[in-house]
Amino acid sequence: MSRVFAYARVSTTDQTTDNQLCEIKAAGFNIETRRTVTESVSGSVAAMQRKGFSKLVDKLEAGDVLVVTKLDRLGRNAMDVRQTVERLASEGVKVHCLALGGVDLTSAAGKMTMQIISAVAEFERDLLIERTKSGISRAKAEGIHMGRKHSLTEAQRAEIKARLAKGESVRGIAAEFDTTRQTVMRVRDAG
């Protein structure tokens, strides 16, 4: 009799895998707690490089079934998802994806479906990255400051430069402005 395992993943520790586990149970899978692996790690991290997932793979044997709610729980990169599913298939493990109607991703129909969906997901991710880069470039061109707010005002930076030019110590200036030596050195190095 085949054993059934569940894998649920979220990207940040602020999120929870509870909904994924409820979906799996609602689909009729009553999976033992010891056969359920949950973790908080970005989908951009290759599946086999994730601590929880790699430990899960070590437990799997031929004939076992791995259940995930969505394809992106395995990864966001089409190549990584395909390699992961192919590796599991080569070891005789079936991968069921609930979002795809519970299709076995290791079957011929499952492989085709998975490739199409993962390619579209990767395309959408690439478009998002392109739009983000474009937005950052536009903001920089408009003179909008990117990143953290400066800890010192423009007037303070000018005063620091003047005092450094007079030969005052970085440590003394940092203490007086209640900032770090590194901040004063960045002001100095900025010219």
N, C-alpha and C. Protein backbone atom coordinates (compact mmCIF):
# COMPACT_ATOMS: atom_id res chain seq x y z
N MET A 1 0.83 -1.19 0.00
CA MET A 1 0.00 0.00 0.00
C MET A 1 0.88 1.24 0.00
N SER A 2 0.55 2.21 -0.85
CA SER A 2 1.38 3.40 -0.96
C SER A 2 1.15 4.35 0.20
N ARG A 3 2.22 5.00 0.60
CA ARG A 3 2.13 6.01 1.64
C ARG A 3 1.88 7.36 0.98
N VAL A 4 1.18 8.25 1.68
CA VAL A 4 0.87 9.57 1.14
C VAL A 4 1.53 10.62 2.02
N PHE A 5 2.24 11.55 1.36
CA PHE A 5 2.91 12.64 2.05
C PHE A 5 2.35 13.96 1.54
N ALA A 6 2.46 14.99 2.36
CA ALA A 6 2.02 16.33 1.95
C ALA A 6 3.19 17.30 2.11
N TYR A 7 3.28 18.23 1.16
CA TYR A 7 4.28 19.29 1.26
C TYR A 7 3.56 20.62 1.11
N ALA A 8 3.73 21.48 2.10
CA ALA A 8 3.14 22.81 2.08
C ALA A 8 4.25 23.82 2.35
N ARG A 9 4.25 24.90 1.54
CA ARG A 9 5.31 25.89 1.67
C ARG A 9 4.71 27.29 1.59
N VAL A 10 5.25 28.19 2.40
CA VAL A 10 4.95 29.61 2.30
C VAL A 10 6.27 30.35 2.15
N SER A 11 6.20 31.57 1.63
CA SER A 11 7.43 32.31 1.34
C SER A 11 8.02 33.04 2.54
N THR A 12 7.18 33.46 3.48
CA THR A 12 7.69 34.21 4.63
C THR A 12 7.14 33.64 5.93
N THR A 13 7.79 33.98 7.03
CA THR A 13 7.36 33.50 8.34
C THR A 13 6.07 34.18 8.79
N ASP A 14 5.68 35.27 8.13
CA ASP A 14 4.42 35.95 8.44
C ASP A 14 3.22 35.16 7.93
N GLN A 15 3.47 34.24 7.02
CA GLN A 15 2.39 33.46 6.41
C GLN A 15 2.27 32.11 7.11
N THR A 16 1.18 31.41 6.83
CA THR A 16 0.95 30.10 7.45
C THR A 16 0.55 29.08 6.38
N THR A 17 0.87 27.84 6.63
CA THR A 17 0.53 26.76 5.69
C THR A 17 -0.84 26.14 6.01
N ASP A 18 -1.54 26.68 6.98
CA ASP A 18 -2.82 26.11 7.43
C ASP A 18 -3.81 25.92 6.28
N ASN A 19 -3.96 26.92 5.42
CA ASN A 19 -4.92 26.81 4.31
C ASN A 19 -4.56 25.67 3.37
N GLN A 20 -3.27 25.50 3.10
CA GLN A 20 -2.84 24.41 2.22
C GLN A 20 -3.17 23.06 2.83
N LEU A 21 -2.92 22.92 4.12
CA LEU A 21 -3.20 21.65 4.80
C LEU A 21 -4.70 21.37 4.83
N CYS A 22 -5.50 22.41 5.01
CA CYS A 22 -6.97 22.25 4.98
C CYS A 22 -7.44 21.82 3.59
N GLU A 23 -6.85 22.41 2.54
CA GLU A 23 -7.20 22.03 1.16
C GLU A 23 -6.90 20.56 0.91
N ILE A 24 -5.75 20.13 1.38
CA ILE A 24 -5.34 18.73 1.18
C ILE A 24 -6.32 17.79 1.89
N LYS A 25 -6.69 18.15 3.12
CA LYS A 25 -7.64 17.33 3.88
C LYS A 25 -9.01 17.34 3.20
N ALA A 26 -9.45 18.53 2.73
CA ALA A 26 -10.76 18.65 2.07
C ALA A 26 -10.80 17.83 0.78
N ALA A 27 -9.64 17.62 0.16
CA ALA A 27 -9.58 16.83 -1.08
C ALA A 27 -9.65 15.32 -0.80
N GLY A 28 -9.72 14.97 0.48
CA GLY A 28 -9.88 13.56 0.83
C GLY A 28 -8.61 12.88 1.30
N PHE A 29 -7.54 13.63 1.45
CA PHE A 29 -6.29 13.04 1.92
C PHE A 29 -6.19 13.22 3.43
N ASN A 30 -6.14 12.14 4.15
CA ASN A 30 -5.97 12.18 5.59
C ASN A 30 -4.53 11.76 5.88
N ILE A 31 -3.65 12.71 5.85
CA ILE A 31 -2.21 12.42 5.94
C ILE A 31 -1.73 12.56 7.37
N GLU A 32 -1.00 11.56 7.81
CA GLU A 32 -0.43 11.57 9.16
C GLU A 32 0.49 12.77 9.33
N THR A 33 0.50 13.33 10.53
CA THR A 33 1.33 14.50 10.82
C THR A 33 2.80 14.23 10.51
N ARG A 34 3.27 13.04 10.80
CA ARG A 34 4.69 12.73 10.56
C ARG A 34 5.02 12.66 9.07
N ARG A 35 3.99 12.62 8.22
CA ARG A 35 4.21 12.58 6.77
C ARG A 35 3.84 13.91 6.12
N THR A 36 3.73 14.94 6.94
CA THR A 36 3.43 16.28 6.44
C THR A 36 4.63 17.17 6.70
N VAL A 37 5.12 17.80 5.65
CA VAL A 37 6.26 18.70 5.78
C VAL A 37 5.81 20.10 5.40
N THR A 38 6.06 21.05 6.31
CA THR A 38 5.75 22.46 6.05
C THR A 38 7.03 23.26 6.25
N GLU A 39 7.16 24.32 5.46
CA GLU A 39 8.31 25.19 5.67
C GLU A 39 8.05 26.58 5.12
N SER A 40 8.83 27.54 5.63
CA SER A 40 8.77 28.93 5.17
C SER A 40 10.08 29.22 4.44
N VAL A 41 9.99 29.23 3.11
CA VAL A 41 11.17 29.50 2.29
C VAL A 41 10.68 29.97 0.92
N SER A 42 11.40 30.87 0.33
CA SER A 42 11.01 31.42 -0.97
C SER A 42 10.96 30.34 -2.04
N GLY A 43 10.00 30.46 -2.93
CA GLY A 43 9.89 29.53 -4.04
C GLY A 43 11.03 29.67 -5.03
N SER A 44 11.78 30.77 -4.92
CA SER A 44 12.92 30.95 -5.83
C SER A 44 14.10 30.08 -5.41
N VAL A 45 14.06 29.55 -4.19
CA VAL A 45 15.10 28.61 -3.73
C VAL A 45 14.77 27.25 -4.34
N ALA A 46 15.73 26.65 -4.99
CA ALA A 46 15.52 25.34 -5.64
C ALA A 46 14.99 24.34 -4.62
N ALA A 47 14.05 23.52 -5.05
CA ALA A 47 13.39 22.57 -4.15
C ALA A 47 14.38 21.72 -3.36
N MET A 48 15.38 21.19 -4.04
CA MET A 48 16.32 20.30 -3.37
C MET A 48 17.27 21.04 -2.42
N GLN A 49 17.27 22.37 -2.49
CA GLN A 49 18.11 23.16 -1.58
C GLN A 49 17.33 23.60 -0.34
N ARG A 50 16.04 23.27 -0.31
CA ARG A 50 15.22 23.60 0.85
C ARG A 50 15.37 22.49 1.88
N LYS A 51 15.63 22.88 3.10
CA LYS A 51 15.89 21.92 4.17
C LYS A 51 14.74 20.92 4.34
N GLY A 52 13.53 21.43 4.49
CA GLY A 52 12.38 20.56 4.71
C GLY A 52 12.09 19.65 3.54
N PHE A 53 12.14 20.21 2.33
CA PHE A 53 11.83 19.42 1.15
C PHE A 53 12.86 18.32 0.93
N SER A 54 14.13 18.64 1.10
CA SER A 54 15.16 17.62 0.87
C SER A 54 15.05 16.49 1.90
N LYS A 55 14.66 16.81 3.15
CA LYS A 55 14.44 15.76 4.14
C LYS A 55 13.25 14.89 3.75
N LEU A 56 12.21 15.52 3.20
CA LEU A 56 11.04 14.79 2.75
C LEU A 56 11.41 13.81 1.64
N VAL A 57 12.19 14.28 0.68
CA VAL A 57 12.59 13.43 -0.45
C VAL A 57 13.37 12.21 0.05
N ASP A 58 14.17 12.40 1.09
CA ASP A 58 14.92 11.27 1.66
C ASP A 58 14.01 10.19 2.24
N LYS A 59 12.81 10.58 2.69
CA LYS A 59 11.85 9.63 3.27
C LYS A 59 11.05 8.88 2.20
N LEU A 60 10.91 9.48 1.02
CA LEU A 60 10.04 8.91 -0.02
C LEU A 60 10.62 7.63 -0.62
N GLU A 61 9.71 6.70 -0.92
CA GLU A 61 10.09 5.43 -1.54
C GLU A 61 9.20 5.18 -2.74
N ALA A 62 9.60 4.26 -3.58
CA ALA A 62 8.80 3.90 -4.76
C ALA A 62 7.40 3.52 -4.33
N GLY A 63 6.41 4.06 -5.05
CA GLY A 63 5.01 3.79 -4.74
C GLY A 63 4.37 4.86 -3.87
N ASP A 64 5.17 5.72 -3.26
CA ASP A 64 4.63 6.79 -2.42
C ASP A 64 3.99 7.87 -3.29
N VAL A 65 3.14 8.68 -2.66
CA VAL A 65 2.47 9.79 -3.33
C VAL A 65 2.77 11.06 -2.56
N LEU A 66 3.15 12.10 -3.28
CA LEU A 66 3.39 13.42 -2.68
C LEU A 66 2.28 14.34 -3.16
N VAL A 67 1.59 15.00 -2.22
CA VAL A 67 0.49 15.90 -2.55
C VAL A 67 0.89 17.33 -2.27
N VAL A 68 0.65 18.21 -3.26
CA VAL A 68 0.84 19.65 -3.09
C VAL A 68 -0.44 20.34 -3.56
N THR A 69 -0.71 21.51 -3.01
CA THR A 69 -1.94 22.21 -3.40
C THR A 69 -1.80 22.87 -4.76
N LYS A 70 -0.64 23.47 -5.01
CA LYS A 70 -0.41 24.17 -6.27
C LYS A 70 1.00 23.87 -6.75
N LEU A 71 1.19 24.02 -8.04
CA LEU A 71 2.50 23.77 -8.64
C LEU A 71 3.57 24.70 -8.09
N ASP A 72 3.19 25.94 -7.78
CA ASP A 72 4.19 26.90 -7.31
C ASP A 72 4.68 26.58 -5.90
N ARG A 73 4.07 25.63 -5.20
CA ARG A 73 4.59 25.20 -3.90
C ARG A 73 5.89 24.43 -4.10
N LEU A 74 6.03 23.79 -5.25
CA LEU A 74 7.28 23.09 -5.56
C LEU A 74 8.36 24.08 -5.98
N GLY A 75 7.98 25.16 -6.66
CA GLY A 75 8.94 26.16 -7.08
C GLY A 75 8.36 27.11 -8.10
N ARG A 76 9.03 28.22 -8.31
CA ARG A 76 8.55 29.22 -9.27
C ARG A 76 9.27 29.11 -10.61
N ASN A 77 10.31 28.34 -10.64
CA ASN A 77 11.10 28.19 -11.86
C ASN A 77 10.68 26.90 -12.56
N ALA A 78 10.26 27.03 -13.82
CA ALA A 78 9.77 25.87 -14.57
C ALA A 78 10.79 24.75 -14.64
N MET A 79 12.04 25.10 -14.82
CA MET A 79 13.09 24.08 -14.91
C MET A 79 13.22 23.31 -13.59
N ASP A 80 13.21 24.04 -12.48
CA ASP A 80 13.36 23.39 -11.17
C ASP A 80 12.17 22.49 -10.88
N VAL A 81 10.96 22.96 -11.16
CA VAL A 81 9.76 22.15 -10.93
C VAL A 81 9.84 20.87 -11.76
N ARG A 82 10.18 21.01 -13.03
CA ARG A 82 10.27 19.85 -13.91
C ARG A 82 11.33 18.86 -13.40
N GLN A 83 12.50 19.37 -13.04
CA GLN A 83 13.57 18.49 -12.55
C GLN A 83 13.15 17.78 -11.27
N THR A 84 12.47 18.50 -10.40
CA THR A 84 12.02 17.90 -9.14
C THR A 84 11.03 16.78 -9.41
N VAL A 85 10.04 17.05 -10.25
CA VAL A 85 9.02 16.03 -10.57
C VAL A 85 9.67 14.85 -11.29
N GLU A 86 10.58 15.12 -12.21
CA GLU A 86 11.26 14.03 -12.94
C GLU A 86 12.09 13.17 -11.99
N ARG A 87 12.75 13.82 -11.03
CA ARG A 87 13.55 13.06 -10.07
C ARG A 87 12.65 12.15 -9.24
N LEU A 88 11.54 12.71 -8.76
CA LEU A 88 10.62 11.91 -7.96
C LEU A 88 10.03 10.77 -8.79
N ALA A 89 9.69 11.06 -10.05
CA ALA A 89 9.14 10.02 -10.94
C ALA A 89 10.15 8.91 -11.15
N SER A 90 11.42 9.26 -11.31
CA SER A 90 12.46 8.25 -11.52
C SER A 90 12.63 7.35 -10.30
N GLU A 91 12.22 7.85 -9.14
CA GLU A 91 12.29 7.06 -7.91
C GLU A 91 10.97 6.35 -7.63
N GLY A 92 10.02 6.48 -8.58
CA GLY A 92 8.74 5.78 -8.44
C GLY A 92 7.73 6.51 -7.56
N VAL A 93 7.95 7.79 -7.32
CA VAL A 93 7.05 8.59 -6.49
C VAL A 93 6.11 9.38 -7.40
N LYS A 94 4.80 9.32 -7.11
CA LYS A 94 3.81 10.08 -7.86
C LYS A 94 3.61 11.43 -7.17
N VAL A 95 3.42 12.49 -7.97
CA VAL A 95 3.20 13.83 -7.43
C VAL A 95 1.82 14.29 -7.87
N HIS A 96 0.94 14.53 -6.89
CA HIS A 96 -0.43 14.99 -7.17
C HIS A 96 -0.54 16.47 -6.84
N CYS A 97 -1.09 17.23 -7.78
CA CYS A 97 -1.29 18.66 -7.60
C CYS A 97 -2.79 18.93 -7.57
N LEU A 98 -3.32 19.39 -6.43
CA LEU A 98 -4.75 19.61 -6.27
C LEU A 98 -5.29 20.66 -7.22
N ALA A 99 -4.52 21.73 -7.45
CA ALA A 99 -4.98 22.82 -8.33
C ALA A 99 -5.17 22.35 -9.77
N LEU A 100 -4.55 21.26 -10.12
CA LEU A 100 -4.67 20.71 -11.47
C LEU A 100 -5.65 19.54 -11.49
N GLY A 101 -6.59 19.57 -10.55
CA GLY A 101 -7.59 18.51 -10.50
C GLY A 101 -7.06 17.21 -9.92
N GLY A 102 -5.99 17.31 -9.15
CA GLY A 102 -5.41 16.11 -8.54
C GLY A 102 -4.66 15.24 -9.52
N VAL A 103 -4.31 15.82 -10.67
CA VAL A 103 -3.60 15.06 -11.70
C VAL A 103 -2.23 14.63 -11.18
N ASP A 104 -1.84 13.42 -11.57
CA ASP A 104 -0.52 12.90 -11.23
C ASP A 104 0.48 13.55 -12.19
N LEU A 105 1.34 14.39 -11.66
CA LEU A 105 2.29 15.13 -12.50
C LEU A 105 3.32 14.24 -13.16
N THR A 106 3.42 12.99 -12.72
CA THR A 106 4.39 12.08 -13.33
C THR A 106 3.79 11.32 -14.51
N SER A 107 2.47 11.45 -14.73
CA SER A 107 1.83 10.81 -15.89
C SER A 107 2.08 11.66 -17.13
N ALA A 108 1.81 11.11 -18.31
CA ALA A 108 2.03 11.85 -19.55
C ALA A 108 1.20 13.14 -19.58
N ALA A 109 -0.09 13.03 -19.25
CA ALA A 109 -0.96 14.22 -19.24
C ALA A 109 -0.50 15.20 -18.17
N GLY A 110 -0.08 14.69 -17.04
CA GLY A 110 0.40 15.55 -15.95
C GLY A 110 1.66 16.30 -16.33
N LYS A 111 2.57 15.61 -17.00
CA LYS A 111 3.81 16.26 -17.44
C LYS A 111 3.53 17.39 -18.40
N MET A 112 2.63 17.15 -19.36
CA MET A 112 2.31 18.19 -20.34
C MET A 112 1.65 19.38 -19.64
N THR A 113 0.69 19.11 -18.80
CA THR A 113 -0.01 20.17 -18.07
C THR A 113 0.97 20.97 -17.23
N MET A 114 1.82 20.26 -16.51
CA MET A 114 2.80 20.92 -15.64
C MET A 114 3.73 21.82 -16.43
N GLN A 115 4.20 21.36 -17.57
CA GLN A 115 5.13 22.16 -18.37
C GLN A 115 4.47 23.44 -18.88
N ILE A 116 3.23 23.32 -19.31
CA ILE A 116 2.53 24.50 -19.81
C ILE A 116 2.29 25.50 -18.68
N ILE A 117 1.79 25.01 -17.56
CA ILE A 117 1.48 25.91 -16.45
C ILE A 117 2.75 26.51 -15.86
N SER A 118 3.79 25.72 -15.68
CA SER A 118 5.01 26.26 -15.09
C SER A 118 5.68 27.25 -16.04
N ALA A 119 5.57 27.02 -17.35
CA ALA A 119 6.14 27.98 -18.30
C ALA A 119 5.39 29.30 -18.23
N VAL A 120 4.07 29.25 -18.12
CA VAL A 120 3.27 30.47 -17.99
C VAL A 120 3.60 31.19 -16.68
N ALA A 121 3.75 30.44 -15.59
CA ALA A 121 4.07 31.04 -14.29
C ALA A 121 5.43 31.72 -14.34
N GLU A 122 6.39 31.07 -14.98
CA GLU A 122 7.73 31.66 -15.09
C GLU A 122 7.69 32.91 -15.97
N PHE A 123 6.90 32.88 -17.03
CA PHE A 123 6.74 34.04 -17.90
C PHE A 123 6.15 35.21 -17.12
N GLU A 124 5.12 34.95 -16.31
CA GLU A 124 4.51 36.01 -15.49
C GLU A 124 5.51 36.57 -14.50
N ARG A 125 6.32 35.71 -13.89
CA ARG A 125 7.33 36.16 -12.94
C ARG A 125 8.37 37.04 -13.63
N ASP A 126 8.80 36.63 -14.83
CA ASP A 126 9.76 37.42 -15.59
C ASP A 126 9.19 38.78 -15.96
N LEU A 127 7.90 38.81 -16.33
CA LEU A 127 7.25 40.09 -16.64
C LEU A 127 7.21 41.00 -15.41
N LEU A 128 6.93 40.43 -14.25
CA LEU A 128 6.91 41.20 -13.01
C LEU A 128 8.29 41.80 -12.74
N ILE A 129 9.32 41.01 -12.92
CA ILE A 129 10.69 41.50 -12.71
C ILE A 129 11.01 42.63 -13.68
N GLU A 130 10.63 42.46 -14.95
CA GLU A 130 10.87 43.52 -15.94
C GLU A 130 10.14 44.80 -15.57
N ARG A 131 8.88 44.68 -15.14
CA ARG A 131 8.11 45.88 -14.75
C ARG A 131 8.72 46.55 -13.54
N THR A 132 9.19 45.76 -12.59
CA THR A 132 9.82 46.31 -11.39
C THR A 132 11.08 47.07 -11.76
N LYS A 133 11.93 46.47 -12.59
CA LYS A 133 13.17 47.13 -13.01
C LYS A 133 12.87 48.41 -13.77
N SER A 134 11.85 48.37 -14.63
CA SER A 134 11.46 49.54 -15.39
C SER A 134 10.99 50.66 -14.46
N GLY A 135 10.20 50.31 -13.47
CA GLY A 135 9.72 51.29 -12.50
C GLY A 135 10.85 51.92 -11.70
N ILE A 136 11.81 51.10 -11.31
CA ILE A 136 12.96 51.61 -10.55
C ILE A 136 13.78 52.56 -11.43
N SER A 137 14.02 52.18 -12.67
CA SER A 137 14.77 53.04 -13.60
C SER A 137 14.08 54.38 -13.81
N ARG A 138 12.75 54.33 -13.99
CA ARG A 138 11.97 55.56 -14.18
C ARG A 138 12.06 56.45 -12.94
N ALA A 139 11.93 55.84 -11.76
CA ALA A 139 11.99 56.60 -10.51
C ALA A 139 13.36 57.25 -10.34
N LYS A 140 14.42 56.52 -10.65
CA LYS A 140 15.77 57.08 -10.56
C LYS A 140 15.95 58.23 -11.53
N ALA A 141 15.42 58.07 -12.76
CA ALA A 141 15.52 59.13 -13.77
C ALA A 141 14.78 60.39 -13.33
N GLU A 142 13.73 60.21 -12.54
CA GLU A 142 12.97 61.36 -12.03
C GLU A 142 13.59 61.93 -10.76
N GLY A 143 14.71 61.34 -10.33
CA GLY A 143 15.42 61.85 -9.16
C GLY A 143 14.86 61.37 -7.84
N ILE A 144 14.04 60.35 -7.87
CA ILE A 144 13.46 59.83 -6.64
C ILE A 144 14.51 58.95 -5.96
N HIS A 145 14.74 59.22 -4.68
CA HIS A 145 15.72 58.46 -3.91
C HIS A 145 15.22 57.04 -3.68
N MET A 146 16.05 56.06 -3.97
CA MET A 146 15.69 54.65 -3.77
C MET A 146 16.43 54.14 -2.54
N GLY A 147 15.82 53.20 -1.86
CA GLY A 147 16.47 52.60 -0.71
C GLY A 147 16.09 53.27 0.59
N ARG A 148 16.89 52.99 1.60
CA ARG A 148 16.62 53.54 2.92
C ARG A 148 16.77 55.05 2.93
N LYS A 149 16.05 55.67 3.85
CA LYS A 149 16.14 57.10 4.03
C LYS A 149 17.52 57.45 4.59
N HIS A 150 18.07 58.59 4.18
CA HIS A 150 19.36 59.03 4.73
C HIS A 150 19.19 59.33 6.22
N SER A 151 20.18 58.94 7.02
CA SER A 151 20.10 59.21 8.45
C SER A 151 20.52 60.64 8.77
N LEU A 152 21.18 61.27 7.82
CA LEU A 152 21.62 62.65 8.00
C LEU A 152 20.98 63.55 6.95
N THR A 153 20.70 64.78 7.34
CA THR A 153 20.14 65.74 6.39
C THR A 153 21.26 66.23 5.47
N GLU A 154 20.86 66.90 4.42
CA GLU A 154 21.85 67.46 3.48
C GLU A 154 22.76 68.46 4.20
N ALA A 155 22.19 69.26 5.10
CA ALA A 155 22.97 70.26 5.86
C ALA A 155 23.98 69.56 6.78
N GLN A 156 23.55 68.48 7.41
CA GLN A 156 24.46 67.73 8.28
C GLN A 156 25.60 67.12 7.49
N ARG A 157 25.29 66.58 6.31
CA ARG A 157 26.34 65.98 5.47
C ARG A 157 27.34 67.06 5.05
N ALA A 158 26.86 68.26 4.71
CA ALA A 158 27.75 69.35 4.31
C ALA A 158 28.64 69.76 5.48
N GLU A 159 28.06 69.81 6.69
CA GLU A 159 28.85 70.18 7.87
C GLU A 159 29.92 69.13 8.16
N ILE A 160 29.56 67.85 8.00
CA ILE A 160 30.53 66.77 8.23
C ILE A 160 31.69 66.89 7.25
N LYS A 161 31.37 67.14 5.98
CA LYS A 161 32.44 67.29 4.98
C LYS A 161 33.36 68.44 5.35
N ALA A 162 32.80 69.54 5.79
CA ALA A 162 33.60 70.72 6.16
C ALA A 162 34.49 70.40 7.36
N ARG A 163 33.96 69.72 8.35
CA ARG A 163 34.73 69.39 9.55
C ARG A 163 35.81 68.36 9.25
N LEU A 164 35.50 67.41 8.33
CA LEU A 164 36.54 66.45 7.92
C LEU A 164 37.66 67.17 7.19
N ALA A 165 37.30 68.15 6.37
CA ALA A 165 38.30 68.93 5.62
C ALA A 165 39.22 69.69 6.57
N LYS A 166 38.70 70.06 7.75
CA LYS A 166 39.51 70.77 8.76
C LYS A 166 40.38 69.80 9.55
N GLY A 167 40.19 68.49 9.33
CA GLY A 167 41.03 67.50 9.99
C GLY A 167 40.44 66.87 11.24
N GLU A 168 39.16 67.11 11.53
CA GLU A 168 38.55 66.49 12.70
C GLU A 168 38.43 64.99 12.49
N SER A 169 38.43 64.24 13.58
CA SER A 169 38.41 62.77 13.48
C SER A 169 37.01 62.25 13.13
N VAL A 170 37.01 61.14 12.41
CA VAL A 170 35.76 60.48 12.03
C VAL A 170 35.01 60.06 13.28
N ARG A 171 35.73 59.48 14.23
CA ARG A 171 35.09 59.00 15.47
C ARG A 171 34.44 60.14 16.23
N GLY A 172 35.13 61.27 16.36
CA GLY A 172 34.59 62.41 17.09
C GLY A 172 33.34 62.97 16.42
N ILE A 173 33.38 63.08 15.09
CA ILE A 173 32.22 63.59 14.35
C ILE A 173 31.04 62.64 14.49
N ALA A 174 31.31 61.34 14.38
CA ALA A 174 30.25 60.33 14.50
C ALA A 174 29.58 60.43 15.87
N ALA A 175 30.37 60.58 16.92
CA ALA A 175 29.81 60.69 18.27
C ALA A 175 28.95 61.94 18.41
N GLU A 176 29.41 63.04 17.87
CA GLU A 176 28.68 64.31 17.98
C GLU A 176 27.36 64.28 17.20
N PHE A 177 27.35 63.61 16.06
CA PHE A 177 26.13 63.54 15.23
C PHE A 177 25.26 62.33 15.58
N ASP A 178 25.69 61.57 16.61
CA ASP A 178 24.97 60.37 17.04
C ASP A 178 24.72 59.42 15.87
N THR A 179 25.81 59.10 15.17
CA THR A 179 25.74 58.17 14.04
C THR A 179 26.95 57.26 14.09
N THR A 180 27.12 56.43 13.11
CA THR A 180 28.25 55.49 13.11
C THR A 180 29.43 56.06 12.34
N ARG A 181 30.59 55.51 12.61
CA ARG A 181 31.79 55.90 11.86
C ARG A 181 31.61 55.60 10.37
N GLN A 182 30.94 54.46 10.08
CA GLN A 182 30.73 54.08 8.68
C GLN A 182 29.90 55.14 7.94
N THR A 183 28.91 55.70 8.62
CA THR A 183 28.08 56.73 7.99
C THR A 183 28.93 57.95 7.68
N VAL A 184 29.77 58.36 8.61
CA VAL A 184 30.64 59.51 8.38
C VAL A 184 31.61 59.22 7.25
N MET A 185 32.15 58.00 7.20
CA MET A 185 33.07 57.64 6.12
C MET A 185 32.36 57.62 4.77
N ARG A 186 31.09 57.20 4.75
CA ARG A 186 30.34 57.23 3.48
C ARG A 186 30.15 58.67 3.00
N VAL A 187 29.89 59.57 3.94
CA VAL A 187 29.75 61.00 3.59
C VAL A 187 31.07 61.49 3.03
N ARG A 188 32.17 61.14 3.70
CA ARG A 188 33.50 61.54 3.24
C ARG A 188 33.81 61.00 1.85
N ASP A 189 33.50 59.73 1.63
CA ASP A 189 33.83 59.08 0.36
C ASP A 189 32.91 59.51 -0.78
N ALA A 190 31.73 60.05 -0.44
CA ALA A 190 30.79 60.50 -1.48
C ALA A 190 31.30 61.76 -2.17
N GLY A 191 32.29 62.39 -1.61
CA GLY A 191 32.91 63.54 -2.28
C GLY A 191 32.50 64.86 -1.85
